[in-house]
């Protein structure tokens, strides 16, 4: 039975810290965006995202994907740290004690709140050493130039860094399907680097199911 004293001491039942309707706050008059802790947020216009792709293509050519991937890895480290600190503080629990279902719900809400689309985890191949992350409605896929290969290099870098820190393992990430190529969602394959060496070459000719069959067959 819950005592009155307990309710007085801790009257708040934690919900989802990253719930989009309360996480993002703004003052339209001054063009200010911030999160519920008062940290500044940055809104990226579509023209800027398109300019990043086109500018890097002109300046770095085929190295564009490596530049964006490394930028994503660098930014992903900071994102993971902030995400865990906010989650642990809000729930008054060390991250290791937080139920996995709550952790995943918070990650999904965080992704939506930042305008990155919807994220989900496919653990079908987990026992084979692979994790598939699905993202739909990605602005990076929608605004990138359409090509014969996936284009969400920045997100791949973020996921690589995020899940490497979460698992304490050095994980690589390769995108195996892309909305810019007509796929139903963006799929990112996470695994040990040596096991993903050949995947980028397979993406051009095989769909995601064929790729997984070849890796796990």
N, C-alpha and C. Protein backbone atom coordinates (compact mmCIF):
# COMPACT_ATOMS: atom_id res chain seq x y z
N UNK A 1 0.84 -1.19 0.00
CA UNK A 1 0.00 0.00 0.00
C UNK A 1 0.87 1.24 0.00
N UNK A 2 0.52 2.24 -0.83
CA UNK A 2 1.29 3.48 -0.92
C UNK A 2 0.92 4.40 0.23
N UNK A 3 1.92 4.87 0.94
CA UNK A 3 1.65 5.75 2.07
C UNK A 3 1.54 7.19 1.63
N UNK A 4 0.86 8.00 2.45
CA UNK A 4 0.74 9.44 2.16
C UNK A 4 2.10 10.10 2.19
N UNK A 5 2.96 9.63 3.08
CA UNK A 5 4.31 10.21 3.18
C UNK A 5 5.09 10.03 1.89
N UNK A 6 4.95 8.83 1.29
CA UNK A 6 5.64 8.58 0.02
C UNK A 6 5.14 9.50 -1.08
N UNK A 7 3.85 9.77 -1.09
CA UNK A 7 3.28 10.64 -2.12
C UNK A 7 3.76 12.07 -1.95
N UNK A 8 3.91 12.51 -0.70
CA UNK A 8 4.38 13.87 -0.44
C UNK A 8 5.83 14.03 -0.86
N UNK A 9 6.65 12.98 -0.56
CA UNK A 9 8.07 13.05 -0.88
C UNK A 9 8.30 12.97 -2.39
N UNK A 10 7.57 12.09 -3.06
CA UNK A 10 7.75 11.90 -4.49
C UNK A 10 6.39 11.80 -5.14
N UNK A 11 5.83 12.96 -5.45
CA UNK A 11 4.45 13.01 -5.95
C UNK A 11 4.35 12.84 -7.45
N UNK A 12 5.49 12.72 -8.14
CA UNK A 12 5.47 12.62 -9.60
C UNK A 12 5.78 11.20 -10.04
N UNK A 13 4.94 10.67 -10.88
CA UNK A 13 5.20 9.38 -11.50
C UNK A 13 5.81 9.65 -12.87
N UNK A 14 7.08 9.29 -13.09
CA UNK A 14 7.73 9.61 -14.36
C UNK A 14 6.97 9.05 -15.56
N UNK A 15 6.82 9.88 -16.59
CA UNK A 15 6.24 9.43 -17.84
C UNK A 15 7.37 9.27 -18.84
N UNK A 16 7.18 9.76 -20.06
CA UNK A 16 8.21 9.70 -21.08
C UNK A 16 8.82 11.10 -21.22
N UNK A 17 10.07 11.23 -20.81
CA UNK A 17 10.74 12.53 -20.81
C UNK A 17 10.75 13.15 -22.20
N UNK A 18 10.85 12.32 -23.24
CA UNK A 18 10.99 12.82 -24.60
C UNK A 18 9.66 12.92 -25.36
N UNK A 19 8.56 12.81 -24.65
CA UNK A 19 7.26 12.93 -25.31
C UNK A 19 7.23 14.23 -26.10
N UNK A 20 7.04 14.18 -27.43
CA UNK A 20 7.18 15.36 -28.28
C UNK A 20 6.32 16.55 -27.87
N UNK A 21 5.14 16.30 -27.29
CA UNK A 21 4.26 17.42 -26.97
C UNK A 21 4.74 18.23 -25.76
N UNK A 22 5.70 17.70 -25.00
CA UNK A 22 6.23 18.45 -23.86
C UNK A 22 7.73 18.67 -23.95
N UNK A 23 8.41 17.90 -24.78
CA UNK A 23 9.87 17.99 -24.84
C UNK A 23 10.34 19.25 -25.57
N UNK A 24 9.69 19.57 -26.68
CA UNK A 24 10.10 20.73 -27.48
C UNK A 24 9.26 21.94 -27.11
N UNK A 25 9.93 23.02 -26.78
CA UNK A 25 9.26 24.27 -26.44
C UNK A 25 9.85 25.39 -27.28
N UNK A 26 9.04 26.37 -27.59
CA UNK A 26 9.54 27.45 -28.43
C UNK A 26 8.82 28.75 -28.25
N UNK A 27 9.48 29.82 -28.64
CA UNK A 27 8.89 31.16 -28.67
C UNK A 27 8.97 31.65 -30.11
N UNK A 28 7.83 31.58 -30.80
CA UNK A 28 7.82 31.92 -32.21
C UNK A 28 8.24 33.36 -32.47
N UNK A 29 7.93 34.26 -31.52
CA UNK A 29 8.24 35.67 -31.72
C UNK A 29 9.74 35.93 -31.86
N UNK A 30 10.54 35.17 -31.14
CA UNK A 30 11.98 35.39 -31.18
C UNK A 30 12.71 34.26 -31.89
N UNK A 31 11.95 33.27 -32.39
CA UNK A 31 12.56 32.17 -33.11
C UNK A 31 13.41 31.26 -32.24
N UNK A 32 13.01 31.06 -30.98
CA UNK A 32 13.78 30.26 -30.04
C UNK A 32 13.16 28.89 -29.85
N UNK A 33 13.99 27.85 -29.98
CA UNK A 33 13.57 26.48 -29.69
C UNK A 33 14.45 25.92 -28.58
N UNK A 34 13.84 25.23 -27.62
CA UNK A 34 14.60 24.60 -26.56
C UNK A 34 13.86 23.38 -26.06
N UNK A 35 14.58 22.50 -25.35
CA UNK A 35 13.92 21.33 -24.77
C UNK A 35 13.41 21.66 -23.38
N UNK A 36 12.83 20.70 -22.72
CA UNK A 36 12.17 20.96 -21.44
C UNK A 36 13.16 21.30 -20.33
N UNK A 37 14.46 21.06 -20.56
CA UNK A 37 15.48 21.45 -19.60
C UNK A 37 16.05 22.84 -19.88
N UNK A 38 15.60 23.44 -20.97
CA UNK A 38 16.09 24.77 -21.32
C UNK A 38 17.29 24.76 -22.25
N UNK A 39 17.71 23.59 -22.73
CA UNK A 39 18.82 23.52 -23.69
C UNK A 39 18.34 23.94 -25.07
N UNK A 40 19.17 24.68 -25.78
CA UNK A 40 18.80 25.18 -27.10
C UNK A 40 18.72 24.05 -28.12
N UNK A 41 17.73 24.13 -29.00
CA UNK A 41 17.57 23.21 -30.11
C UNK A 41 17.73 23.97 -31.41
N UNK A 42 18.19 23.29 -32.44
CA UNK A 42 18.42 23.91 -33.74
C UNK A 42 17.51 23.28 -34.78
N UNK A 43 16.77 24.10 -35.50
CA UNK A 43 15.91 23.62 -36.58
C UNK A 43 16.67 23.74 -37.90
N UNK A 44 16.77 22.64 -38.64
CA UNK A 44 17.48 22.65 -39.92
C UNK A 44 16.47 22.78 -41.06
N UNK A 45 16.52 23.86 -41.83
CA UNK A 45 15.62 23.98 -42.98
C UNK A 45 15.98 22.98 -44.06
N UNK A 46 15.00 22.62 -44.88
CA UNK A 46 15.24 21.64 -45.93
C UNK A 46 16.34 22.08 -46.89
N UNK A 47 16.38 23.38 -47.19
CA UNK A 47 17.38 23.87 -48.13
C UNK A 47 18.80 23.65 -47.61
N UNK A 48 18.97 23.72 -46.27
CA UNK A 48 20.31 23.51 -45.70
C UNK A 48 20.73 22.05 -45.84
N UNK A 49 19.81 21.13 -45.57
CA UNK A 49 20.13 19.71 -45.72
C UNK A 49 20.50 19.39 -47.16
N UNK A 50 19.73 19.95 -48.10
CA UNK A 50 20.04 19.73 -49.52
C UNK A 50 21.40 20.33 -49.88
N UNK A 51 21.70 21.50 -49.30
CA UNK A 51 22.98 22.16 -49.58
C UNK A 51 24.15 21.38 -49.01
N UNK A 52 23.95 20.72 -47.86
CA UNK A 52 25.02 19.90 -47.28
C UNK A 52 25.39 18.78 -48.23
N UNK A 53 24.37 18.10 -48.76
CA UNK A 53 24.63 17.02 -49.71
C UNK A 53 25.33 17.53 -50.97
N UNK A 54 24.78 18.57 -51.56
CA UNK A 54 25.34 19.06 -52.83
C UNK A 54 26.72 19.69 -52.63
N UNK A 55 26.91 20.42 -51.51
CA UNK A 55 28.20 21.05 -51.25
C UNK A 55 29.29 20.02 -51.01
N UNK A 56 29.00 19.00 -50.22
CA UNK A 56 29.99 17.95 -49.97
C UNK A 56 30.30 17.17 -51.24
N UNK A 57 29.28 16.97 -52.07
CA UNK A 57 29.49 16.25 -53.33
C UNK A 57 30.47 16.99 -54.21
N UNK A 58 30.33 18.31 -54.27
CA UNK A 58 31.25 19.11 -55.09
C UNK A 58 32.65 19.15 -54.51
N UNK A 59 32.74 19.24 -53.18
CA UNK A 59 34.03 19.43 -52.53
C UNK A 59 34.79 18.13 -52.30
N UNK A 60 34.07 17.06 -52.02
CA UNK A 60 34.75 15.81 -51.63
C UNK A 60 34.46 14.63 -52.54
N UNK A 61 33.47 14.76 -53.44
CA UNK A 61 33.17 13.69 -54.38
C UNK A 61 32.74 12.41 -53.69
N UNK A 62 33.41 11.31 -54.01
CA UNK A 62 33.04 10.01 -53.47
C UNK A 62 33.29 9.89 -51.97
N UNK A 63 34.05 10.84 -51.41
CA UNK A 63 34.32 10.80 -49.97
C UNK A 63 33.15 11.37 -49.15
N UNK A 64 32.10 11.83 -49.83
CA UNK A 64 30.97 12.43 -49.13
C UNK A 64 30.40 11.50 -48.07
N UNK A 65 30.19 10.24 -48.43
CA UNK A 65 29.59 9.31 -47.47
C UNK A 65 30.47 9.08 -46.26
N UNK A 66 31.80 9.06 -46.47
CA UNK A 66 32.72 8.88 -45.34
C UNK A 66 32.71 10.11 -44.43
N UNK A 67 32.67 11.30 -45.03
CA UNK A 67 32.62 12.54 -44.25
C UNK A 67 31.36 12.57 -43.39
N UNK A 68 30.21 12.28 -43.99
CA UNK A 68 28.95 12.32 -43.26
C UNK A 68 28.90 11.23 -42.19
N UNK A 69 29.42 10.04 -42.51
CA UNK A 69 29.43 8.96 -41.53
C UNK A 69 30.27 9.33 -40.31
N UNK A 70 31.45 9.89 -40.54
CA UNK A 70 32.32 10.28 -39.44
C UNK A 70 31.72 11.43 -38.62
N UNK A 71 31.03 12.36 -39.30
CA UNK A 71 30.32 13.42 -38.58
C UNK A 71 29.24 12.82 -37.69
N UNK A 72 28.53 11.82 -38.24
CA UNK A 72 27.50 11.16 -37.45
C UNK A 72 28.07 10.44 -36.24
N UNK A 73 29.22 9.77 -36.40
CA UNK A 73 29.85 9.09 -35.28
C UNK A 73 30.27 10.08 -34.21
N UNK A 74 30.83 11.20 -34.61
CA UNK A 74 31.26 12.22 -33.64
C UNK A 74 30.06 12.78 -32.90
N UNK A 75 29.01 13.12 -33.64
CA UNK A 75 27.83 13.69 -33.00
C UNK A 75 27.09 12.64 -32.17
N UNK A 76 27.10 11.38 -32.63
CA UNK A 76 26.41 10.31 -31.92
C UNK A 76 26.94 10.09 -30.52
N UNK A 77 28.24 10.30 -30.33
CA UNK A 77 28.81 10.13 -28.99
C UNK A 77 28.20 11.13 -28.01
N UNK A 78 28.09 12.39 -28.44
CA UNK A 78 27.49 13.41 -27.58
C UNK A 78 26.01 13.15 -27.37
N UNK A 79 25.34 12.71 -28.44
CA UNK A 79 23.91 12.41 -28.33
C UNK A 79 23.66 11.30 -27.32
N UNK A 80 24.46 10.25 -27.35
CA UNK A 80 24.29 9.14 -26.41
C UNK A 80 24.48 9.63 -24.97
N UNK A 81 25.50 10.44 -24.75
CA UNK A 81 25.77 10.95 -23.40
C UNK A 81 24.61 11.77 -22.88
N UNK A 82 24.11 12.71 -23.70
CA UNK A 82 22.99 13.56 -23.27
C UNK A 82 21.73 12.73 -23.06
N UNK A 83 21.47 11.82 -23.96
CA UNK A 83 20.28 10.98 -23.87
C UNK A 83 20.28 10.20 -22.56
N UNK A 84 21.39 9.57 -22.22
CA UNK A 84 21.46 8.77 -21.01
C UNK A 84 21.38 9.63 -19.75
N UNK A 85 22.04 10.78 -19.76
CA UNK A 85 21.99 11.65 -18.60
C UNK A 85 20.58 12.15 -18.34
N UNK A 86 19.88 12.57 -19.39
CA UNK A 86 18.52 13.07 -19.23
C UNK A 86 17.59 11.97 -18.77
N UNK A 87 17.76 10.78 -19.32
CA UNK A 87 16.89 9.66 -18.98
C UNK A 87 17.10 9.23 -17.52
N UNK A 88 18.35 9.12 -17.11
CA UNK A 88 18.66 8.70 -15.74
C UNK A 88 18.19 9.73 -14.73
N UNK A 89 18.38 11.01 -15.04
CA UNK A 89 17.97 12.07 -14.12
C UNK A 89 16.45 12.12 -13.98
N UNK A 90 15.75 12.02 -15.09
CA UNK A 90 14.29 12.13 -15.07
C UNK A 90 13.65 10.97 -14.32
N UNK A 91 14.20 9.77 -14.47
CA UNK A 91 13.62 8.59 -13.83
C UNK A 91 14.22 8.29 -12.46
N UNK A 92 15.23 9.09 -12.07
CA UNK A 92 15.90 8.89 -10.77
C UNK A 92 16.42 7.46 -10.64
N UNK A 93 16.94 6.95 -11.75
CA UNK A 93 17.48 5.60 -11.77
C UNK A 93 18.74 5.57 -12.62
N UNK A 94 19.74 4.80 -12.20
CA UNK A 94 20.88 4.58 -13.10
C UNK A 94 20.38 3.91 -14.37
N UNK A 95 21.01 4.21 -15.48
CA UNK A 95 20.54 3.68 -16.75
C UNK A 95 20.50 2.15 -16.75
N UNK A 96 21.46 1.53 -16.06
CA UNK A 96 21.52 0.07 -16.03
C UNK A 96 20.30 -0.55 -15.34
N UNK A 97 19.62 0.23 -14.50
CA UNK A 97 18.45 -0.28 -13.77
C UNK A 97 17.14 0.02 -14.48
N UNK A 98 17.20 0.75 -15.59
CA UNK A 98 15.98 1.10 -16.31
C UNK A 98 15.54 -0.09 -17.17
N UNK A 99 14.27 -0.49 -17.10
CA UNK A 99 13.79 -1.60 -17.93
C UNK A 99 14.02 -1.31 -19.41
N UNK A 100 14.40 -2.33 -20.16
CA UNK A 100 14.72 -2.15 -21.57
C UNK A 100 13.54 -1.59 -22.36
N UNK A 101 12.32 -1.99 -22.01
CA UNK A 101 11.16 -1.50 -22.75
C UNK A 101 11.01 0.01 -22.58
N UNK A 102 11.32 0.53 -21.39
CA UNK A 102 11.24 1.97 -21.17
C UNK A 102 12.36 2.69 -21.90
N UNK A 103 13.53 2.07 -21.94
CA UNK A 103 14.65 2.66 -22.68
C UNK A 103 14.30 2.79 -24.17
N UNK A 104 13.73 1.74 -24.74
CA UNK A 104 13.39 1.76 -26.17
C UNK A 104 12.27 2.75 -26.46
N UNK A 105 11.28 2.84 -25.56
CA UNK A 105 10.20 3.81 -25.74
C UNK A 105 10.75 5.23 -25.72
N UNK A 106 11.70 5.47 -24.82
CA UNK A 106 12.31 6.80 -24.74
C UNK A 106 13.09 7.12 -26.00
N UNK A 107 13.82 6.13 -26.53
CA UNK A 107 14.58 6.35 -27.77
C UNK A 107 13.66 6.66 -28.93
N UNK A 108 12.55 5.93 -29.03
CA UNK A 108 11.59 6.18 -30.11
C UNK A 108 10.99 7.58 -29.99
N UNK A 109 10.62 7.99 -28.78
CA UNK A 109 10.03 9.31 -28.58
C UNK A 109 11.06 10.40 -28.85
N UNK A 110 12.31 10.15 -28.46
CA UNK A 110 13.38 11.13 -28.70
C UNK A 110 13.59 11.34 -30.19
N UNK A 111 13.57 10.26 -30.96
CA UNK A 111 13.78 10.35 -32.41
C UNK A 111 12.66 11.19 -33.05
N UNK A 112 11.44 10.94 -32.62
CA UNK A 112 10.30 11.71 -33.16
C UNK A 112 10.39 13.17 -32.74
N UNK A 113 10.72 13.41 -31.48
CA UNK A 113 10.76 14.77 -30.95
C UNK A 113 11.77 15.64 -31.69
N UNK A 114 12.86 15.04 -32.16
CA UNK A 114 13.88 15.79 -32.88
C UNK A 114 13.60 15.88 -34.37
N UNK A 115 12.49 15.28 -34.81
CA UNK A 115 12.11 15.40 -36.21
C UNK A 115 12.87 14.49 -37.14
N UNK A 116 13.39 13.37 -36.61
CA UNK A 116 14.20 12.46 -37.42
C UNK A 116 13.38 11.30 -37.98
N UNK A 117 12.09 11.31 -37.84
CA UNK A 117 11.26 10.21 -38.30
C UNK A 117 10.92 9.27 -37.17
N UNK A 118 10.60 8.02 -37.51
CA UNK A 118 10.25 7.00 -36.51
C UNK A 118 11.28 5.88 -36.56
N UNK A 119 11.71 5.46 -35.38
CA UNK A 119 12.75 4.44 -35.28
C UNK A 119 12.22 3.21 -34.56
N UNK A 120 12.65 2.04 -34.99
CA UNK A 120 12.28 0.80 -34.33
C UNK A 120 13.42 -0.20 -34.52
N UNK A 121 13.47 -1.20 -33.63
CA UNK A 121 14.53 -2.20 -33.68
C UNK A 121 13.95 -3.54 -34.13
N UNK A 122 14.63 -4.19 -35.05
CA UNK A 122 14.27 -5.51 -35.52
C UNK A 122 15.33 -6.48 -34.99
N UNK A 123 14.94 -7.33 -34.03
CA UNK A 123 15.89 -8.23 -33.39
C UNK A 123 15.85 -9.65 -33.98
N UNK A 124 15.31 -9.77 -35.19
CA UNK A 124 15.19 -11.08 -35.82
C UNK A 124 16.53 -11.80 -35.92
N UNK A 125 17.59 -11.05 -36.19
CA UNK A 125 18.90 -11.66 -36.42
C UNK A 125 19.85 -11.47 -35.25
N UNK A 126 19.30 -11.15 -34.10
CA UNK A 126 20.15 -10.87 -32.93
C UNK A 126 20.99 -12.08 -32.54
N UNK A 127 20.41 -13.27 -32.64
CA UNK A 127 21.17 -14.48 -32.26
C UNK A 127 22.27 -14.82 -33.26
N UNK A 128 22.27 -14.12 -34.40
CA UNK A 128 23.34 -14.30 -35.39
C UNK A 128 24.37 -13.17 -35.30
N UNK A 129 24.18 -12.27 -34.32
CA UNK A 129 25.13 -11.19 -34.12
C UNK A 129 24.84 -9.92 -34.88
N UNK A 130 23.58 -9.75 -35.37
CA UNK A 130 23.22 -8.56 -36.12
C UNK A 130 21.97 -7.91 -35.52
N UNK A 131 21.93 -6.60 -35.59
CA UNK A 131 20.74 -5.85 -35.19
C UNK A 131 20.34 -4.96 -36.35
N UNK A 132 19.06 -4.98 -36.70
CA UNK A 132 18.54 -4.14 -37.77
C UNK A 132 17.73 -3.01 -37.15
N UNK A 133 18.08 -1.78 -37.51
CA UNK A 133 17.35 -0.60 -37.06
C UNK A 133 16.56 -0.05 -38.24
N UNK A 134 15.27 0.17 -38.04
CA UNK A 134 14.41 0.70 -39.09
C UNK A 134 14.04 2.15 -38.78
N UNK A 135 14.14 3.00 -39.79
CA UNK A 135 13.74 4.40 -39.65
C UNK A 135 12.84 4.76 -40.83
N UNK A 136 11.69 5.33 -40.54
CA UNK A 136 10.79 5.79 -41.60
C UNK A 136 10.65 7.31 -41.54
N UNK A 137 10.30 7.89 -42.68
CA UNK A 137 10.09 9.34 -42.80
C UNK A 137 11.34 10.14 -42.43
N UNK A 138 12.48 9.67 -42.90
CA UNK A 138 13.74 10.37 -42.64
C UNK A 138 13.88 11.56 -43.58
N UNK A 139 14.16 12.72 -43.00
CA UNK A 139 14.37 13.92 -43.82
C UNK A 139 15.62 13.78 -44.67
N UNK A 140 16.63 13.07 -44.15
CA UNK A 140 17.87 12.92 -44.90
C UNK A 140 17.66 12.07 -46.15
N UNK A 141 16.84 11.04 -46.04
CA UNK A 141 16.54 10.22 -47.22
C UNK A 141 15.66 10.98 -48.20
N UNK A 142 14.72 11.75 -47.69
CA UNK A 142 13.77 12.45 -48.55
C UNK A 142 14.44 13.59 -49.32
N UNK A 143 15.42 14.24 -48.73
CA UNK A 143 16.01 15.44 -49.33
C UNK A 143 17.32 15.16 -50.05
N UNK A 144 17.85 13.96 -49.90
CA UNK A 144 19.11 13.62 -50.58
C UNK A 144 18.86 13.38 -52.06
N UNK A 145 19.88 13.56 -52.88
CA UNK A 145 19.73 13.25 -54.31
C UNK A 145 19.49 11.76 -54.49
N UNK A 146 18.61 11.39 -55.38
CA UNK A 146 18.28 9.98 -55.61
C UNK A 146 19.42 9.30 -56.37
N UNK A 147 19.86 8.16 -55.81
CA UNK A 147 20.98 7.45 -56.42
C UNK A 147 20.69 5.96 -56.42
N UNK A 148 21.70 5.19 -56.84
CA UNK A 148 21.54 3.74 -56.88
C UNK A 148 22.10 3.08 -55.62
N UNK A 149 22.29 3.88 -54.56
CA UNK A 149 22.74 3.34 -53.29
C UNK A 149 22.18 4.18 -52.15
N UNK A 150 22.11 3.63 -50.93
CA UNK A 150 21.56 4.39 -49.79
C UNK A 150 22.33 5.68 -49.53
N UNK A 151 21.64 6.66 -48.92
CA UNK A 151 22.24 7.99 -48.77
C UNK A 151 22.25 8.51 -47.33
N UNK A 152 21.77 7.72 -46.37
CA UNK A 152 21.66 8.21 -44.99
C UNK A 152 22.94 7.92 -44.22
N UNK A 153 24.06 8.45 -44.70
CA UNK A 153 25.34 8.17 -44.09
C UNK A 153 25.44 8.79 -42.69
N UNK A 154 24.87 9.96 -42.52
CA UNK A 154 24.93 10.63 -41.22
C UNK A 154 24.22 9.80 -40.15
N UNK A 155 23.04 9.30 -40.47
CA UNK A 155 22.30 8.47 -39.52
C UNK A 155 23.04 7.16 -39.23
N UNK A 156 23.68 6.59 -40.24
CA UNK A 156 24.45 5.37 -40.02
C UNK A 156 25.57 5.62 -39.02
N UNK A 157 26.23 6.76 -39.13
CA UNK A 157 27.28 7.10 -38.18
C UNK A 157 26.75 7.30 -36.77
N UNK A 158 25.59 7.96 -36.65
CA UNK A 158 24.98 8.17 -35.34
C UNK A 158 24.65 6.83 -34.69
N UNK A 159 24.01 5.94 -35.44
CA UNK A 159 23.62 4.64 -34.90
C UNK A 159 24.84 3.81 -34.52
N UNK A 160 25.88 3.86 -35.34
CA UNK A 160 27.11 3.13 -35.04
C UNK A 160 27.68 3.57 -33.70
N UNK A 161 27.78 4.87 -33.49
CA UNK A 161 28.33 5.39 -32.24
C UNK A 161 27.41 5.13 -31.06
N UNK A 162 26.12 5.34 -31.24
CA UNK A 162 25.15 5.17 -30.16
C UNK A 162 25.15 3.74 -29.63
N UNK A 163 25.04 2.77 -30.53
CA UNK A 163 24.95 1.37 -30.09
C UNK A 163 26.31 0.80 -29.70
N UNK A 164 27.40 1.38 -30.19
CA UNK A 164 28.71 0.97 -29.72
C UNK A 164 28.87 1.31 -28.24
N UNK A 165 28.44 2.50 -27.87
CA UNK A 165 28.54 2.90 -26.46
C UNK A 165 27.54 2.14 -25.59
N UNK A 166 26.36 1.88 -26.14
CA UNK A 166 25.34 1.17 -25.38
C UNK A 166 25.79 -0.26 -25.07
N UNK A 167 26.47 -0.92 -25.99
CA UNK A 167 26.86 -2.33 -25.83
C UNK A 167 28.31 -2.51 -25.38
N UNK A 168 29.06 -1.37 -25.34
CA UNK A 168 30.49 -1.45 -25.00
C UNK A 168 31.26 -2.31 -26.00
N UNK A 169 30.82 -2.28 -27.26
CA UNK A 169 31.51 -2.98 -28.33
C UNK A 169 31.69 -2.02 -29.51
N UNK A 170 32.73 -2.24 -30.28
CA UNK A 170 32.96 -1.42 -31.47
C UNK A 170 32.12 -1.96 -32.61
N UNK A 171 30.97 -1.31 -32.86
CA UNK A 171 30.04 -1.78 -33.89
C UNK A 171 30.08 -0.87 -35.10
N UNK A 172 29.98 -1.47 -36.27
CA UNK A 172 29.86 -0.72 -37.51
C UNK A 172 28.39 -0.72 -37.93
N UNK A 173 28.03 0.18 -38.82
CA UNK A 173 26.65 0.27 -39.28
C UNK A 173 26.64 0.52 -40.78
N UNK A 174 25.86 -0.27 -41.50
CA UNK A 174 25.72 -0.12 -42.95
C UNK A 174 24.24 -0.05 -43.29
N UNK A 175 23.86 0.91 -44.11
CA UNK A 175 22.45 1.02 -44.53
C UNK A 175 22.20 0.02 -45.66
N UNK A 176 21.16 -0.80 -45.50
CA UNK A 176 20.89 -1.85 -46.49
C UNK A 176 19.59 -1.63 -47.27
N UNK A 177 18.82 -0.62 -46.91
CA UNK A 177 17.67 -0.21 -47.75
C UNK A 177 17.42 1.26 -47.48
N UNK A 178 16.88 1.96 -48.48
CA UNK A 178 16.75 3.42 -48.36
C UNK A 178 15.46 3.90 -49.02
N UNK A 179 14.78 4.79 -48.33
CA UNK A 179 13.56 5.37 -48.88
C UNK A 179 13.82 6.13 -50.17
N UNK A 180 15.03 6.68 -50.32
CA UNK A 180 15.36 7.41 -51.55
C UNK A 180 15.42 6.49 -52.77
N UNK A 181 15.50 5.17 -52.52
CA UNK A 181 15.55 4.20 -53.60
C UNK A 181 14.22 3.47 -53.75
N UNK A 182 13.18 3.97 -53.06
CA UNK A 182 11.86 3.38 -53.17
C UNK A 182 11.54 2.34 -52.13
N UNK A 183 12.42 2.11 -51.16
CA UNK A 183 12.16 1.12 -50.11
C UNK A 183 11.09 1.62 -49.15
N UNK A 184 10.45 0.69 -48.44
CA UNK A 184 9.40 1.06 -47.51
C UNK A 184 9.94 1.75 -46.27
N UNK A 185 11.24 1.56 -45.96
CA UNK A 185 11.87 2.24 -44.83
C UNK A 185 13.38 2.18 -45.01
N UNK A 186 14.08 2.92 -44.18
CA UNK A 186 15.54 2.86 -44.16
C UNK A 186 15.96 1.81 -43.15
N UNK A 187 16.71 0.82 -43.60
CA UNK A 187 17.20 -0.24 -42.70
C UNK A 187 18.70 -0.10 -42.52
N UNK A 188 19.12 -0.15 -41.28
CA UNK A 188 20.53 -0.04 -40.94
C UNK A 188 20.96 -1.31 -40.23
N UNK A 189 22.02 -1.92 -40.71
CA UNK A 189 22.51 -3.17 -40.15
C UNK A 189 23.70 -2.90 -39.25
N UNK A 190 23.59 -3.31 -37.99
CA UNK A 190 24.66 -3.13 -37.01
C UNK A 190 25.31 -4.47 -36.70
N UNK A 191 26.63 -4.48 -36.63
CA UNK A 191 27.36 -5.69 -36.30
C UNK A 191 28.84 -5.38 -36.17
N UNK A 192 29.64 -6.39 -35.89
CA UNK A 192 31.09 -6.21 -35.81
C UNK A 192 31.64 -5.82 -37.17
N UNK A 193 32.61 -4.89 -37.21
CA UNK A 193 33.11 -4.38 -38.50
C UNK A 193 33.54 -5.46 -39.48
N UNK A 194 34.24 -6.50 -39.00
CA UNK A 194 34.75 -7.52 -39.91
C UNK A 194 33.63 -8.34 -40.54
N UNK A 195 32.47 -8.37 -39.92
CA UNK A 195 31.35 -9.14 -40.46
C UNK A 195 30.53 -8.32 -41.47
N UNK A 196 30.80 -7.02 -41.54
CA UNK A 196 30.03 -6.16 -42.44
C UNK A 196 30.86 -5.64 -43.61
N UNK A 197 32.07 -6.16 -43.76
CA UNK A 197 32.98 -5.63 -44.78
C UNK A 197 32.39 -5.70 -46.19
N UNK A 198 31.68 -6.79 -46.50
CA UNK A 198 31.20 -6.98 -47.87
C UNK A 198 29.81 -6.43 -48.12
N UNK A 199 29.15 -5.91 -47.07
CA UNK A 199 27.74 -5.55 -47.19
C UNK A 199 27.52 -4.37 -48.13
N UNK A 200 28.37 -3.36 -48.07
CA UNK A 200 28.16 -2.17 -48.90
C UNK A 200 28.15 -2.51 -50.38
N UNK A 201 28.92 -3.49 -50.80
CA UNK A 201 28.92 -3.90 -52.21
C UNK A 201 27.66 -4.68 -52.56
N UNK A 202 27.07 -5.36 -51.58
CA UNK A 202 25.86 -6.14 -51.83
C UNK A 202 24.63 -5.27 -52.01
N UNK A 203 24.63 -4.08 -51.39
CA UNK A 203 23.45 -3.21 -51.38
C UNK A 203 23.03 -2.81 -52.78
N UNK A 204 23.98 -2.65 -53.67
CA UNK A 204 23.68 -2.18 -55.02
C UNK A 204 22.84 -3.19 -55.79
N UNK A 205 23.08 -4.48 -55.56
CA UNK A 205 22.44 -5.52 -56.38
C UNK A 205 21.39 -6.36 -55.64
N UNK A 206 21.38 -6.34 -54.30
CA UNK A 206 20.48 -7.20 -53.55
C UNK A 206 19.57 -6.38 -52.62
N UNK A 207 18.36 -6.89 -52.38
CA UNK A 207 17.51 -6.24 -51.41
C UNK A 207 17.91 -6.70 -50.00
N UNK A 208 17.27 -6.11 -48.98
CA UNK A 208 17.70 -6.37 -47.61
C UNK A 208 17.52 -7.83 -47.21
N UNK A 209 16.45 -8.49 -47.71
CA UNK A 209 16.22 -9.89 -47.34
C UNK A 209 17.31 -10.79 -47.92
N UNK A 210 17.69 -10.52 -49.16
CA UNK A 210 18.74 -11.32 -49.80
C UNK A 210 20.08 -11.08 -49.11
N UNK A 211 20.33 -9.87 -48.69
CA UNK A 211 21.57 -9.56 -47.99
C UNK A 211 21.64 -10.34 -46.68
N UNK A 212 20.56 -10.35 -45.92
CA UNK A 212 20.56 -11.06 -44.63
C UNK A 212 20.67 -12.56 -44.84
N UNK A 213 20.08 -13.09 -45.89
CA UNK A 213 20.19 -14.51 -46.18
C UNK A 213 21.65 -14.88 -46.49
N UNK A 214 22.32 -14.00 -47.22
CA UNK A 214 23.70 -14.28 -47.57
C UNK A 214 24.62 -14.19 -46.35
N UNK A 215 24.32 -13.23 -45.46
CA UNK A 215 25.13 -13.07 -44.26
C UNK A 215 24.92 -14.20 -43.26
N UNK A 216 23.68 -14.65 -43.17
CA UNK A 216 23.33 -15.64 -42.15
C UNK A 216 23.24 -17.07 -42.69
N UNK A 217 23.36 -17.23 -44.01
CA UNK A 217 23.19 -18.54 -44.60
C UNK A 217 24.36 -19.47 -44.32
